[in-house]
Amino acid sequence: MKKILIFFLFILIIGVNFSSDGGEVKKENGVWNFVTVDKKSKNLYREIPFGSNKEYVKKHLNEDFNYEDESTLGYESKILNIPSEAYFKFNKDKFWRVEFNSKAIHYTAKYWFKDYKTVKNVITQKYGAPSKDMEMYENVFYRNNPDYSLENGFLTLYTIWNLENIRIVITMGTYNEKIHMNIYYDSKEFLDKNLKNMYVYDFIDIN
């Protein structure tokens, strides 16, 4: 129980709680307990089942949504203390993705690399080694200077965890002359494979 409590506090501090492993730590009657999630697909995010409609998500997720359209609910968030925009995405009114877009302000690339490494390490600690971890340079001669390459649009990074029910993707690169870091947490069950531009960088091979 002590180890579980420590783990929960760690996740609470960093501000992100991935819940696909079939259990949650909950406070019940003033006591923290590990509660098994009784869902056949174990396909959850923050206790919200993937496939839920938008009204269900709005009702059960305690967030101040500041953006809404037919396919999206958005709010200001933090992931590992990195200021972010969070978006719950819907396809035909079924919840299928959580997306985090970093709003960090960094003046050098090394701090972007630091953020990327921090997020990657935390996800790796929970889910194990990624299925794919790539650094894509436009030219091999840029490999000796990753900071310059990232700042000038010559480098894109992406890391993927292909799990039983979910796919987690981190991407970082230059888009519209700005460095972007994005985190995607997708349900495989409700993923619409016909959707275009699922990721900022549509050339990414997610398989």
C-alpha atoms as a PDB file:
ATOM      1  CA  MET A   1       0.000   0.000   0.000  1.00  0.00           C
ATOM      2  CA  LYS A   2       2.846   2.397   0.796  1.00  0.00           C
ATOM      3  CA  LYS A   3       4.380   1.872  -2.647  1.00  0.00           C
ATOM      4  CA  ILE A   4       1.036   2.457  -4.327  1.00  0.00           C
ATOM      5  CA  LEU A   5       0.521   5.699  -2.408  1.00  0.00           C
ATOM      6  CA  ILE A   6       3.964   6.958  -3.383  1.00  0.00           C
ATOM      7  CA  PHE A   7       3.271   6.097  -7.013  1.00  0.00           C
ATOM      8  CA  PHE A   8      -0.042   7.949  -6.954  1.00  0.00           C
ATOM      9  CA  LEU A   9       1.491  11.052  -5.440  1.00  0.00           C
ATOM     10  CA  PHE A  10       4.158  11.030  -8.135  1.00  0.00           C
ATOM     11  CA  ILE A  11       1.568  10.885 -10.891  1.00  0.00           C
ATOM     12  CA  LEU A  12      -0.507  13.591  -9.193  1.00  0.00           C
ATOM     13  CA  ILE A  13       2.477  15.931  -8.979  1.00  0.00           C
ATOM     14  CA  ILE A  14       3.379  15.651 -12.652  1.00  0.00           C
ATOM     15  CA  GLY A  15      -0.217  16.309 -13.598  1.00  0.00           C
ATOM     16  CA  VAL A  16      -0.866  13.365 -15.882  1.00  0.00           C
ATOM     17  CA  ASN A  17      -2.524  10.043 -15.112  1.00  0.00           C
ATOM     18  CA  PHE A  18      -2.467   7.304 -17.711  1.00  0.00           C
ATOM     19  CA  SER A  19      -4.988   4.632 -16.677  1.00  0.00           C
ATOM     20  CA  SER A  20      -4.949   1.835 -19.258  1.00  0.00           C
ATOM     21  CA  ASP A  21      -3.336  -0.786 -17.052  1.00  0.00           C
ATOM     22  CA  GLY A  22      -6.590  -1.849 -15.441  1.00  0.00           C
ATOM     23  CA  GLY A  23      -6.470  -0.043 -12.093  1.00  0.00           C
ATOM     24  CA  GLU A  24      -6.628   3.318 -10.426  1.00  0.00           C
ATOM     25  CA  VAL A  25      -5.648   4.699  -7.054  1.00  0.00           C
ATOM     26  CA  LYS A  26      -8.732   6.362  -5.566  1.00  0.00           C
ATOM     27  CA  LYS A  27      -9.616   8.085  -2.340  1.00  0.00           C
ATOM     28  CA  GLU A  28     -12.621   6.401  -0.780  1.00  0.00           C
ATOM     29  CA  ASN A  29     -13.947   7.431   2.641  1.00  0.00           C
ATOM     30  CA  GLY A  30     -10.720   9.313   3.281  1.00  0.00           C
ATOM     31  CA  VAL A  31      -8.491   6.343   2.434  1.00  0.00           C
ATOM     32  CA  TRP A  32      -6.367   5.846  -0.688  1.00  0.00           C
ATOM     33  CA  ASN A  33      -6.970   2.418  -2.229  1.00  0.00           C
ATOM     34  CA  PHE A  34      -6.028   0.647  -5.424  1.00  0.00           C
ATOM     35  CA  VAL A  35      -9.246  -0.125  -7.280  1.00  0.00           C
ATOM     36  CA  THR A  36      -9.382  -2.554 -10.184  1.00  0.00           C
ATOM     37  CA  VAL A  37     -11.147  -1.140 -13.200  1.00  0.00           C
ATOM     38  CA  ASP A  38     -13.890  -3.528 -14.253  1.00  0.00           C
ATOM     39  CA  LYS A  39     -13.837  -2.808 -17.973  1.00  0.00           C
ATOM     40  CA  LYS A  40     -13.427  -5.552 -20.523  1.00  0.00           C
ATOM     41  CA  SER A  41     -11.238  -3.383 -22.750  1.00  0.00           C
ATOM     42  CA  LYS A  42      -9.410  -1.548 -19.917  1.00  0.00           C
ATOM     43  CA  ASN A  43      -9.586   1.313 -22.396  1.00  0.00           C
ATOM     44  CA  LEU A  44      -9.599   4.385 -20.142  1.00  0.00           C
ATOM     45  CA  TYR A  45      -8.083   7.784 -19.633  1.00  0.00           C
ATOM     46  CA  ARG A  46      -8.531   9.380 -16.193  1.00  0.00           C
ATOM     47  CA  GLU A  47     -11.445   7.041 -15.531  1.00  0.00           C
ATOM     48  CA  ILE A  48     -13.127   8.176 -18.740  1.00  0.00           C
ATOM     49  CA  PRO A  49     -13.794   5.198 -21.059  1.00  0.00           C
ATOM     50  CA  PHE A  50     -12.695   5.721 -24.635  1.00  0.00           C
ATOM     51  CA  GLY A  51     -15.765   5.660 -26.832  1.00  0.00           C
ATOM     52  CA  SER A  52     -17.719   7.930 -24.437  1.00  0.00           C
ATOM     53  CA  ASN A  53     -19.681  10.762 -25.977  1.00  0.00           C
ATOM     54  CA  LYS A  54     -18.806  14.405 -25.451  1.00  0.00           C
ATOM     55  CA  GLU A  55     -21.514  15.093 -22.898  1.00  0.00           C
ATOM     56  CA  TYR A  56     -20.312  12.206 -20.733  1.00  0.00           C
ATOM     57  CA  VAL A  57     -16.738  13.528 -20.838  1.00  0.00           C
ATOM     58  CA  LYS A  58     -17.849  17.071 -19.963  1.00  0.00           C
ATOM     59  CA  LYS A  59     -19.864  15.763 -17.031  1.00  0.00           C
ATOM     60  CA  HIS A  60     -17.215  13.459 -15.558  1.00  0.00           C
ATOM     61  CA  LEU A  61     -13.995  15.346 -16.262  1.00  0.00           C
ATOM     62  CA  ASN A  62     -13.415  18.135 -13.768  1.00  0.00           C
ATOM     63  CA  GLU A  63     -11.829  20.703 -16.076  1.00  0.00           C
ATOM     64  CA  ASP A  64     -12.619  24.239 -17.181  1.00  0.00           C
ATOM     65  CA  PHE A  65     -13.041  23.743 -20.899  1.00  0.00           C
ATOM     66  CA  ASN A  66     -12.184  26.854 -22.887  1.00  0.00           C
ATOM     67  CA  TYR A  67     -12.641  25.426 -26.362  1.00  0.00           C
ATOM     68  CA  GLU A  68     -15.348  23.283 -27.910  1.00  0.00           C
ATOM     69  CA  ASP A  69     -16.409  22.285 -31.378  1.00  0.00           C
ATOM     70  CA  GLU A  70     -18.045  19.216 -32.861  1.00  0.00           C
ATOM     71  CA  SER A  71     -14.959  17.025 -32.489  1.00  0.00           C
ATOM     72  CA  THR A  72     -12.950  18.673 -29.678  1.00  0.00           C
ATOM     73  CA  LEU A  73     -12.991  19.729 -26.040  1.00  0.00           C
ATOM     74  CA  GLY A  74      -9.983  21.822 -24.988  1.00  0.00           C
ATOM     75  CA  TYR A  75      -8.566  23.236 -21.764  1.00  0.00           C
ATOM     76  CA  GLU A  76      -5.374  24.651 -20.286  1.00  0.00           C
ATOM     77  CA  SER A  77      -3.260  21.992 -18.608  1.00  0.00           C
ATOM     78  CA  LYS A  78       0.198  21.013 -17.420  1.00  0.00           C
ATOM     79  CA  ILE A  79       2.091  17.845 -18.103  1.00  0.00           C
ATOM     80  CA  LEU A  80       5.165  17.377 -15.923  1.00  0.00           C
ATOM     81  CA  ASN A  81       4.849  21.072 -15.064  1.00  0.00           C
ATOM     82  CA  ILE A  82       5.066  21.946 -18.752  1.00  0.00           C
ATOM     83  CA  PRO A  83       2.249  24.367 -19.648  1.00  0.00           C
ATOM     84  CA  SER A  84       0.146  22.753 -22.339  1.00  0.00           C
ATOM     85  CA  GLU A  85      -3.086  22.853 -24.235  1.00  0.00           C
ATOM     86  CA  ALA A  86      -5.032  19.627 -23.739  1.00  0.00           C
ATOM     87  CA  TYR A  87      -7.629  18.415 -26.230  1.00  0.00           C
ATOM     88  CA  PHE A  88     -10.098  15.562 -25.968  1.00  0.00           C
ATOM     89  CA  LYS A  89     -10.882  14.459 -29.518  1.00  0.00           C
ATOM     90  CA  PHE A  90     -14.072  12.809 -30.751  1.00  0.00           C
ATOM     91  CA  ASN A  91     -14.907  10.929 -33.911  1.00  0.00           C
ATOM     92  CA  LYS A  92     -18.634  10.561 -34.552  1.00  0.00           C
ATOM     93  CA  ASP A  93     -19.155  11.631 -30.922  1.00  0.00           C
ATOM     94  CA  LYS A  94     -16.874   8.889 -29.592  1.00  0.00           C
ATOM     95  CA  PHE A  95     -13.864   9.851 -27.489  1.00  0.00           C
ATOM     96  CA  TRP A  96     -10.703   8.474 -29.128  1.00  0.00           C
ATOM     97  CA  ARG A  97      -7.730  10.745 -28.325  1.00  0.00           C
ATOM     98  CA  VAL A  98      -6.131  13.006 -25.731  1.00  0.00           C
ATOM     99  CA  GLU A  99      -3.646  15.452 -27.193  1.00  0.00           C
ATOM    100  CA  PHE A 100      -1.215  17.712 -25.342  1.00  0.00           C
ATOM    101  CA  ASN A 101       0.471  20.606 -27.151  1.00  0.00           C
ATOM    102  CA  SER A 102       3.296  22.236 -25.236  1.00  0.00           C
ATOM    103  CA  LYS A 103       3.009  25.980 -24.660  1.00  0.00           C
ATOM    104  CA  ALA A 104       6.462  26.248 -23.106  1.00  0.00           C
ATOM    105  CA  ILE A 105       8.558  29.267 -24.021  1.00  0.00           C
ATOM    106  CA  HIS A 106      12.186  28.325 -24.571  1.00  0.00           C
ATOM    107  CA  TYR A 107      14.862  30.446 -26.195  1.00  0.00           C
ATOM    108  CA  THR A 108      17.255  27.612 -26.988  1.00  0.00           C
ATOM    109  CA  ALA A 109      16.722  24.100 -28.299  1.00  0.00           C
ATOM    110  CA  LYS A 110      18.416  22.417 -25.340  1.00  0.00           C
ATOM    111  CA  TYR A 111      15.408  23.165 -23.135  1.00  0.00           C
ATOM    112  CA  TRP A 112      13.081  21.615 -25.695  1.00  0.00           C
ATOM    113  CA  PHE A 113      15.245  18.504 -25.686  1.00  0.00           C
ATOM    114  CA  LYS A 114      15.091  18.497 -21.886  1.00  0.00           C
ATOM    115  CA  ASP A 115      11.273  18.604 -21.939  1.00  0.00           C
ATOM    116  CA  TYR A 116      11.119  15.841 -24.515  1.00  0.00           C
ATOM    117  CA  LYS A 117      13.468  13.633 -22.528  1.00  0.00           C
ATOM    118  CA  THR A 118      11.516  14.217 -19.303  1.00  0.00           C
ATOM    119  CA  VAL A 119       8.186  13.185 -20.831  1.00  0.00           C
ATOM    120  CA  LYS A 120       9.756  10.239 -22.623  1.00  0.00           C
ATOM    121  CA  ASN A 121      11.426   8.961 -19.444  1.00  0.00           C
ATOM    122  CA  VAL A 122       8.230   9.110 -17.386  1.00  0.00           C
ATOM    123  CA  ILE A 123       6.200   7.241 -20.015  1.00  0.00           C
ATOM    124  CA  THR A 124       9.002   4.685 -20.354  1.00  0.00           C
ATOM    125  CA  GLN A 125       9.022   4.111 -16.595  1.00  0.00           C
ATOM    126  CA  LYS A 126       5.316   3.260 -16.704  1.00  0.00           C
ATOM    127  CA  TYR A 127       5.015   1.377 -20.013  1.00  0.00           C
ATOM    128  CA  GLY A 128       8.518   0.137 -20.767  1.00  0.00           C
ATOM    129  CA  ALA A 129      10.769   0.822 -23.730  1.00  0.00           C
ATOM    130  CA  PRO A 130       9.096   2.486 -26.720  1.00  0.00           C
ATOM    131  CA  SER A 131       8.246   0.520 -29.839  1.00  0.00           C
ATOM    132  CA  LYS A 132       9.958   3.113 -31.988  1.00  0.00           C
ATOM    133  CA  ASP A 133      12.304   6.002 -31.153  1.00  0.00           C
ATOM    134  CA  MET A 134      13.515   8.061 -34.100  1.00  0.00           C
ATOM    135  CA  GLU A 135      15.511  11.187 -34.910  1.00  0.00           C
ATOM    136  CA  MET A 136      14.893  12.244 -38.498  1.00  0.00           C
ATOM    137  CA  TYR A 137      17.411  14.655 -40.023  1.00  0.00           C
ATOM    138  CA  GLU A 138      16.899  16.259 -43.398  1.00  0.00           C
ATOM    139  CA  ASN A 139      20.602  15.795 -44.037  1.00  0.00           C
ATOM    140  CA  VAL A 140      23.058  13.438 -42.299  1.00  0.00           C
ATOM    141  CA  PHE A 141      25.556  16.292 -41.999  1.00  0.00           C
ATOM    142  CA  TYR A 142      23.276  17.964 -39.443  1.00  0.00           C
ATOM    143  CA  ARG A 143      23.599  15.075 -36.983  1.00  0.00           C
ATOM    144  CA  ASN A 144      26.571  16.661 -35.241  1.00  0.00           C
ATOM    145  CA  ASN A 145      24.519  19.710 -34.286  1.00  0.00           C
ATOM    146  CA  PRO A 146      21.031  18.662 -33.078  1.00  0.00           C
ATOM    147  CA  ASP A 147      20.321  22.026 -31.412  1.00  0.00           C
ATOM    148  CA  TYR A 148      20.902  23.914 -34.648  1.00  0.00           C
ATOM    149  CA  SER A 149      18.968  21.291 -36.582  1.00  0.00           C
ATOM    150  CA  LEU A 150      15.906  21.524 -34.341  1.00  0.00           C
ATOM    151  CA  GLU A 151      15.906  25.321 -34.262  1.00  0.00           C
ATOM    152  CA  ASN A 152      16.128  25.530 -38.059  1.00  0.00           C
ATOM    153  CA  GLY A 153      13.661  22.844 -39.008  1.00  0.00           C
ATOM    154  CA  PHE A 154      16.129  20.143 -40.034  1.00  0.00           C
ATOM    155  CA  LEU A 155      15.230  17.644 -37.292  1.00  0.00           C
ATOM    156  CA  THR A 156      12.063  15.876 -36.177  1.00  0.00           C
ATOM    157  CA  LEU A 157      11.866  13.476 -33.245  1.00  0.00           C
ATOM    158  CA  TYR A 158       9.149  10.975 -32.532  1.00  0.00           C
ATOM    159  CA  THR A 159       8.746   8.208 -29.983  1.00  0.00           C
ATOM    160  CA  ILE A 160       5.941   5.631 -30.079  1.00  0.00           C
ATOM    161  CA  TRP A 161       4.558   3.095 -27.624  1.00  0.00           C
ATOM    162  CA  ASN A 162       2.306   0.574 -29.361  1.00  0.00           C
ATOM    163  CA  LEU A 163       0.453  -1.078 -26.484  1.00  0.00           C
ATOM    164  CA  GLU A 164      -2.426  -3.543 -26.390  1.00  0.00           C
ATOM    165  CA  ASN A 165      -5.243  -1.000 -26.248  1.00  0.00           C
ATOM    166  CA  ILE A 166      -3.548   2.339 -26.761  1.00  0.00           C
ATOM    167  CA  ARG A 167      -0.885   4.082 -28.776  1.00  0.00           C
ATOM    168  CA  ILE A 168       1.185   6.895 -27.237  1.00  0.00           C
ATOM    169  CA  VAL A 169       3.151   9.192 -29.529  1.00  0.00           C
ATOM    170  CA  ILE A 170       5.512  12.065 -28.714  1.00  0.00           C
ATOM    171  CA  THR A 171       6.640  14.297 -31.555  1.00  0.00           C
ATOM    172  CA  MET A 172       8.902  17.338 -31.653  1.00  0.00           C
ATOM    173  CA  GLY A 173      10.028  19.429 -34.565  1.00  0.00           C
ATOM    174  CA  THR A 174       9.664  22.764 -36.304  1.00  0.00           C
ATOM    175  CA  TYR A 175       6.289  23.631 -37.794  1.00  0.00           C
ATOM    176  CA  ASN A 176       5.462  27.065 -39.201  1.00  0.00           C
ATOM    177  CA  GLU A 177       8.899  28.275 -38.022  1.00  0.00           C
ATOM    178  CA  LYS A 178       8.239  27.346 -34.385  1.00  0.00           C
ATOM    179  CA  ILE A 179       9.346  24.372 -32.311  1.00  0.00           C
ATOM    180  CA  HIS A 180       6.421  22.206 -31.249  1.00  0.00           C
ATOM    181  CA  MET A 181       6.209  19.267 -28.878  1.00  0.00           C
ATOM    182  CA  ASN A 182       3.040  17.205 -28.997  1.00  0.00           C
ATOM    183  CA  ILE A 183       1.874  14.163 -27.044  1.00  0.00           C
ATOM    184  CA  TYR A 184      -0.909  11.913 -28.335  1.00  0.00           C
ATOM    185  CA  TYR A 185      -2.698   9.245 -26.331  1.00  0.00           C
ATOM    186  CA  ASP A 186      -4.942   7.265 -28.696  1.00  0.00           C
ATOM    187  CA  SER A 187      -7.423   4.440 -28.273  1.00  0.00           C
ATOM    188  CA  LYS A 188      -6.792   1.721 -30.841  1.00  0.00           C
ATOM    189  CA  GLU A 189     -10.362   0.505 -30.496  1.00  0.00           C
ATOM    190  CA  PHE A 190     -11.916   3.814 -31.519  1.00  0.00           C
ATOM    191  CA  LEU A 191      -9.160   5.154 -33.763  1.00  0.00           C
ATOM    192  CA  ASP A 192     -10.488   6.103 -37.180  1.00  0.00           C
ATOM    193  CA  LYS A 193      -7.693   5.025 -39.505  1.00  0.00           C
ATOM    194  CA  ASN A 194      -9.209   7.051 -42.338  1.00  0.00           C
ATOM    195  CA  LEU A 195      -8.670  10.338 -40.511  1.00  0.00           C
ATOM    196  CA  LYS A 196      -6.116  12.566 -42.191  1.00  0.00           C
ATOM    197  CA  ASN A 197      -3.468  14.648 -40.411  1.00  0.00           C
ATOM    198  CA  MET A 198      -3.718  12.626 -37.203  1.00  0.00           C
ATOM    199  CA  TYR A 199      -0.317  13.985 -36.238  1.00  0.00           C
ATOM    200  CA  VAL A 200       1.397  17.305 -36.845  1.00  0.00           C
ATOM    201  CA  TYR A 201       3.950  15.512 -38.982  1.00  0.00           C
ATOM    202  CA  ASP A 202       1.909  13.357 -41.343  1.00  0.00           C
ATOM    203  CA  PHE A 203       4.976  11.492 -42.649  1.00  0.00           C
ATOM    204  CA  ILE A 204       5.417   9.669 -39.342  1.00  0.00           C
ATOM    205  CA  ASP A 205       5.250   5.891 -39.641  1.00  0.00           C
ATOM    206  CA  ILE A 206       3.282   4.924 -36.537  1.00  0.00           C
ATOM    207  CA  ASN A 207       3.226   1.162 -37.202  1.00  0.00           C
END
